[in-house]
Amino acid sequence: MAEDLPKWEPVGNSQALRVWQFDGPNVYPHVTLVRMSPTDYQGFVNDPASLLTFARDNNLFPVPATSIGPLTSVSFEPDVSYPQYLVTMIHSLGSKLSAVAIRGLTDNS
């Protein structure tokens, strides 16, 4: 049923979709999508370790990540002309957090 599906939820100035909820907490890797403003994204570019804190503080995964792994972005420099970034956060069985970020499309794209 649609009411049982995970939904986008506010987390600070962002929104998160806990995709891992489809299969439950025992199936790895856990994946959470985060719609993030350019300002918030810039904060993570400046301090990548803060992404780990963000994930823990907002309970983005059923088990807290303990270390941070590769962080990849297709657009390295944050650009305020883009309304949002989509950050795919991956929590591995070894409790490492990795992330991939892409820019959202503008209205003119």
Protein backbone atom coordinates (compact mmCIF):
# COMPACT_ATOMS: atom_id res chain seq x y z
CA MET A 1 0.00 0.00 0.00
CA ALA A 2 1.16 3.53 -0.77
CA GLU A 3 0.68 4.63 2.85
CA ASP A 4 3.30 2.04 3.90
CA LEU A 5 5.96 3.37 1.53
CA PRO A 6 8.79 5.59 2.77
CA LYS A 7 8.13 9.29 2.24
CA TRP A 8 10.28 12.38 1.90
CA GLU A 9 10.72 13.78 5.40
CA PRO A 10 12.20 17.10 6.54
CA VAL A 11 15.67 16.90 8.08
CA GLY A 12 16.90 20.38 8.94
CA ASN A 13 16.78 22.46 5.74
CA SER A 14 16.79 19.30 3.64
CA GLN A 15 14.47 16.38 2.88
CA ALA A 16 15.35 12.70 3.20
CA LEU A 17 13.93 9.55 1.67
CA ARG A 18 15.10 6.46 3.54
CA VAL A 19 15.12 4.00 0.64
CA TRP A 20 16.47 1.24 2.91
CA GLN A 21 13.02 1.06 4.53
CA PHE A 22 11.71 -0.82 1.46
CA ASP A 23 13.77 -3.90 2.38
CA GLY A 24 14.20 -3.26 6.10
CA PRO A 25 17.19 -2.65 8.35
CA ASN A 26 18.83 -6.06 7.85
CA VAL A 27 19.47 -5.68 4.10
CA TYR A 28 22.69 -3.86 3.15
CA PRO A 29 23.73 -1.48 1.86
CA HIS A 30 21.31 1.05 3.34
CA VAL A 31 20.54 3.93 0.97
CA THR A 32 19.08 7.32 1.84
CA LEU A 33 18.44 10.11 -0.69
CA VAL A 34 18.73 13.69 0.53
CA ARG A 35 17.44 16.78 -1.31
CA MET A 36 19.82 19.48 -0.15
CA SER A 37 20.01 23.24 -0.66
CA PRO A 38 23.16 24.68 -2.28
CA THR A 39 24.03 26.30 1.07
CA ASP A 40 23.83 23.03 3.00
CA TYR A 41 25.71 21.22 0.24
CA GLN A 42 28.48 23.86 0.39
CA GLY A 43 28.84 23.12 4.12
CA PHE A 44 29.52 19.45 3.37
CA VAL A 45 31.98 20.33 0.59
CA ASN A 46 33.88 22.54 3.06
CA ASP A 47 33.76 19.92 5.84
CA PRO A 48 33.09 16.39 4.51
CA ALA A 49 33.21 14.87 8.00
CA SER A 50 30.13 16.92 8.92
CA LEU A 51 28.12 14.68 6.56
CA LEU A 52 28.69 11.81 9.01
CA THR A 53 27.40 13.98 11.86
CA PHE A 54 24.40 15.02 9.73
CA ALA A 55 23.54 11.36 9.04
CA ARG A 56 23.85 10.41 12.70
CA ASP A 57 21.99 13.43 14.09
CA ASN A 58 19.06 12.87 11.72
CA ASN A 59 18.90 9.07 12.10
CA LEU A 60 19.22 8.57 8.36
CA PHE A 61 20.13 4.90 8.85
CA PRO A 62 18.90 2.21 11.27
CA VAL A 63 22.47 1.78 12.57
CA PRO A 64 24.71 4.85 12.94
CA ALA A 65 27.62 5.05 10.50
CA THR A 66 30.98 5.10 12.28
CA SER A 67 33.30 6.31 9.52
CA ILE A 68 33.17 8.22 6.27
CA GLY A 69 34.30 6.79 2.96
CA PRO A 70 34.41 8.09 -0.59
CA LEU A 71 32.45 11.26 -1.33
CA THR A 72 31.89 11.92 -5.02
CA SER A 73 30.26 14.82 -6.81
CA VAL A 74 29.57 15.36 -10.47
CA SER A 75 29.59 19.09 -9.78
CA PHE A 76 32.40 19.93 -7.41
CA GLU A 77 31.70 23.61 -6.90
CA PRO A 78 28.32 24.40 -5.32
CA ASP A 79 26.29 26.73 -7.48
CA VAL A 80 23.46 28.80 -5.97
CA SER A 81 21.71 28.97 -9.36
CA TYR A 82 20.71 25.33 -8.84
CA PRO A 83 17.73 24.90 -6.50
CA GLN A 84 18.97 21.72 -4.88
CA TYR A 85 21.44 18.88 -4.85
CA LEU A 86 20.49 15.23 -4.67
CA VAL A 87 22.87 13.40 -2.35
CA THR A 88 22.76 9.61 -2.39
CA MET A 89 24.09 8.38 0.95
CA ILE A 90 25.19 4.74 1.21
CA HIS A 91 25.74 2.98 4.54
CA SER A 92 27.72 -0.26 4.18
CA LEU A 93 27.68 -3.38 6.31
CA GLY A 94 31.01 -2.24 7.79
CA SER A 95 29.22 0.94 8.94
CA LYS A 96 31.05 3.23 6.51
CA LEU A 97 29.17 6.15 4.97
CA SER A 98 29.79 7.04 1.31
CA ALA A 99 27.95 9.63 -0.77
CA VAL A 100 27.42 10.77 -4.36
CA ALA A 101 26.01 14.22 -5.13
CA ILE A 102 24.48 15.61 -8.32
CA ARG A 103 23.01 19.02 -9.03
CA GLY A 104 19.27 19.33 -9.45
CA LEU A 105 17.95 20.82 -12.65
CA THR A 106 17.03 24.47 -12.88
CA ASP A 107 13.71 25.61 -14.32
CA ASN A 108 15.60 26.58 -17.49
CA SER A 109 17.19 23.13 -18.00
